[in-house]
């Protein structure tokens, strides 16, 4: 699952990180089995939301239940 930054001006899409299943399981630890969603989706949402909060920018997760790198992009 890829985390992307999408900017309005200039209109670009920048790859920020890739969240792999095995890395997500380690990151989530014992919490990995507590959420019915795919571990990579849970980890990507947490990391993306934390980064967006830190930068004070909007966060949008187009595919929160299942990893989908082809999900439609949100445009500001």
Protein backbone atom coordinates (compact mmCIF):
# COMPACT_ATOMS: atom_id res chain seq x y z
CA UNK A 1 0.00 0.00 0.00
CA UNK A 2 1.43 3.36 -1.01
CA UNK A 3 1.07 6.65 0.84
CA UNK A 4 0.92 9.57 -1.58
CA UNK A 5 1.04 13.33 -1.18
CA UNK A 6 -1.18 15.11 -3.69
CA UNK A 7 -0.63 18.82 -4.16
CA UNK A 8 -2.77 21.42 -5.89
CA UNK A 9 -0.10 23.87 -7.00
CA UNK A 10 1.80 22.44 -8.68
CA UNK A 11 -0.61 19.58 -9.39
CA UNK A 12 1.53 16.59 -8.50
CA UNK A 13 1.41 13.19 -6.88
CA UNK A 14 4.43 12.27 -4.76
CA UNK A 15 5.14 8.84 -3.32
CA UNK A 16 5.80 9.24 0.43
CA UNK A 17 6.07 5.63 1.65
CA UNK A 18 5.14 2.03 0.96
CA UNK A 19 3.50 0.01 3.74
CA UNK A 20 4.11 -3.73 3.43
CA UNK A 21 2.05 -6.41 5.19
CA UNK A 22 5.01 -7.69 7.23
CA UNK A 23 6.08 -4.18 8.29
CA UNK A 24 2.50 -3.30 9.21
CA UNK A 25 2.22 -6.41 11.41
CA UNK A 26 5.41 -5.43 13.28
CA UNK A 27 4.29 -1.79 13.59
CA UNK A 28 0.87 -2.75 14.97
CA UNK A 29 2.22 -5.48 17.25
CA UNK A 30 -0.50 -7.15 19.29
CA UNK A 31 -3.07 -4.72 17.88
CA UNK A 32 -2.69 -6.29 14.41
CA UNK A 33 -5.49 -8.80 15.05
CA UNK A 34 -7.83 -6.32 16.76
CA UNK A 35 -9.02 -4.61 13.58
CA UNK A 36 -10.85 -6.59 10.86
CA UNK A 37 -9.16 -4.53 8.12
CA UNK A 38 -5.95 -5.54 6.36
CA UNK A 39 -2.93 -4.70 8.60
CA UNK A 40 -1.33 -2.59 5.84
CA UNK A 41 -4.52 -0.51 5.59
CA UNK A 42 -4.59 0.10 9.36
CA UNK A 43 -0.90 1.03 9.50
CA UNK A 44 -1.12 3.26 6.41
CA UNK A 45 -4.12 5.11 7.83
CA UNK A 46 -2.40 5.70 11.18
CA UNK A 47 0.84 6.88 9.61
CA UNK A 48 -0.88 9.02 6.99
CA UNK A 49 -3.22 10.64 9.49
CA UNK A 50 -0.34 11.35 11.91
CA UNK A 51 1.72 12.95 9.14
CA UNK A 52 -1.23 15.01 7.90
CA UNK A 53 -1.96 16.19 11.44
CA UNK A 54 1.69 17.12 11.92
CA UNK A 55 1.72 19.11 8.67
CA UNK A 56 -1.79 20.53 9.25
CA UNK A 57 -3.05 19.31 5.88
CA UNK A 58 -6.16 17.27 4.95
CA UNK A 59 -5.96 13.49 4.95
CA UNK A 60 -8.01 11.25 2.66
CA UNK A 61 -7.85 7.46 2.55
CA UNK A 62 -9.58 6.23 -0.59
CA UNK A 63 -9.35 2.54 0.31
CA UNK A 64 -9.51 2.12 4.11
CA UNK A 65 -10.77 -1.47 4.12
CA UNK A 66 -8.62 -3.16 1.47
CA UNK A 67 -5.25 -2.18 -0.01
CA UNK A 68 -5.90 -0.68 -3.45
CA UNK A 69 -3.15 1.33 -5.10
CA UNK A 70 -5.48 2.05 -8.02
CA UNK A 71 -8.18 3.74 -5.88
CA UNK A 72 -9.37 7.12 -7.17
CA UNK A 73 -7.23 10.04 -6.01
CA UNK A 74 -8.70 12.89 -4.00
CA UNK A 75 -8.05 16.23 -5.60
CA UNK A 76 -7.84 19.42 -3.48
